[in-house]
Amino acid sequence: MAKVNVKICMGTTCFVMGSSQLQDLVDIVNKRYGEDVVVVGSTCLNYCTDNSEYSKAPYVKVDDVIIQEATIDKVLQEIDRKLKEDGKQ
């Protein structure tokens, strides 16, 4: 079965807008999901350049789903949805 991949944008805009707090996801995800989910940081996902307003940062990508104004809760909800969809929960 495929793993769920989570990318946290750590570019300047996202970092300033809150992705620094999203680094806690690594520990939370490891404890909660084990090896079913992989979390990595990305230097920049370039979503703020596609979106003329920076107010949607920070961005996180869960597989192919882009989460704007990402929070730990929003990301965990999407991971849960994805795992349920894939039959892992």
Protein backbone atom coordinates (compact mmCIF):
# COMPACT_ATOMS: atom_id res chain seq x y z
CA MET A 1 0.00 0.00 0.00
CA ALA A 2 1.17 3.49 -0.80
CA LYS A 3 2.15 5.89 1.91
CA VAL A 4 0.55 9.29 2.41
CA ASN A 5 3.11 12.00 1.65
CA VAL A 6 2.97 15.32 3.46
CA LYS A 7 5.08 18.29 2.34
CA ILE A 8 5.30 21.36 4.56
CA CYS A 9 6.36 24.51 2.77
CA MET A 10 9.19 26.12 4.68
CA GLY A 11 9.71 29.00 2.25
CA THR A 12 10.04 32.48 3.71
CA THR A 13 6.39 33.51 3.35
CA CYS A 14 5.02 30.25 4.71
CA PHE A 15 7.56 30.16 7.53
CA VAL A 16 6.66 33.69 8.63
CA MET A 17 2.93 32.91 8.31
CA GLY A 18 3.10 29.86 10.58
CA SER A 19 4.75 26.83 9.02
CA SER A 20 7.39 26.97 11.76
CA GLN A 21 4.71 25.61 14.14
CA LEU A 22 3.86 22.86 11.64
CA GLN A 23 7.23 21.23 12.24
CA ASP A 24 5.58 19.53 15.24
CA LEU A 25 3.69 17.43 12.69
CA VAL A 26 6.72 15.19 12.28
CA ASP A 27 6.48 13.90 15.86
CA ILE A 28 2.68 13.86 15.93
CA VAL A 29 2.41 11.95 12.66
CA ASN A 30 5.10 9.43 13.63
CA LYS A 31 3.31 8.61 16.88
CA ARG A 32 -0.19 8.60 15.40
CA TYR A 33 0.29 6.91 12.01
CA GLY A 34 3.67 5.19 12.11
CA GLU A 35 5.07 4.34 8.70
CA ASP A 36 1.80 4.99 6.81
CA VAL A 37 2.58 8.72 6.55
CA VAL A 38 5.80 10.50 5.60
CA VAL A 39 6.31 14.17 6.49
CA VAL A 40 9.00 16.28 4.87
CA GLY A 41 9.82 19.95 4.70
CA SER A 42 10.16 21.67 1.35
CA THR A 43 12.20 24.80 0.69
CA CYS A 44 9.25 26.24 -1.25
CA LEU A 45 6.16 24.75 -2.87
CA ASN A 46 5.60 27.93 -4.95
CA TYR A 47 1.87 28.15 -4.14
CA CYS A 48 2.16 31.73 -2.93
CA THR A 49 3.46 32.73 -6.37
CA ASP A 50 0.46 31.05 -8.02
CA ASN A 51 -1.80 32.90 -5.61
CA SER A 52 -1.39 36.66 -5.77
CA GLU A 53 -2.38 37.03 -2.12
CA TYR A 54 0.08 35.76 0.46
CA SER A 55 -2.62 35.55 3.10
CA LYS A 56 -3.27 31.90 2.20
CA ALA A 57 0.10 30.79 3.61
CA PRO A 58 1.26 28.52 5.11
CA TYR A 59 0.75 25.78 2.54
CA VAL A 60 0.95 22.04 3.07
CA LYS A 61 0.48 19.37 0.43
CA VAL A 62 -1.02 16.02 1.45
CA ASP A 63 -0.49 13.77 -1.55
CA ASP A 64 -2.25 15.83 -4.25
CA VAL A 65 -4.35 18.02 -1.93
CA ILE A 66 -3.11 21.54 -1.23
CA ILE A 67 -4.07 22.92 2.16
CA GLN A 68 -4.12 26.71 2.42
CA GLU A 69 -3.76 28.47 5.78
CA ALA A 70 -2.57 25.13 7.08
CA THR A 71 -2.81 24.20 10.74
CA ILE A 72 -1.90 20.97 12.47
CA ASP A 73 -5.61 20.14 12.81
CA LYS A 74 -6.34 20.77 9.12
CA VAL A 75 -3.42 18.59 8.07
CA LEU A 76 -4.38 15.76 10.43
CA GLN A 77 -7.97 15.87 9.16
CA GLU A 78 -6.76 15.52 5.58
CA ILE A 79 -4.41 12.67 6.51
CA ASP A 80 -7.31 10.88 8.28
CA ARG A 81 -9.52 11.40 5.21
CA LYS A 82 -6.81 10.13 2.89
CA LEU A 83 -6.09 7.04 5.01
CA LYS A 84 -9.80 6.25 5.27
CA GLU A 85 -10.12 6.64 1.51
CA ASP A 86 -7.18 4.27 1.04
CA GLY A 87 -8.68 1.76 3.51
CA LYS A 88 -5.95 2.13 6.12
CA GLN A 89 -8.25 3.30 8.93
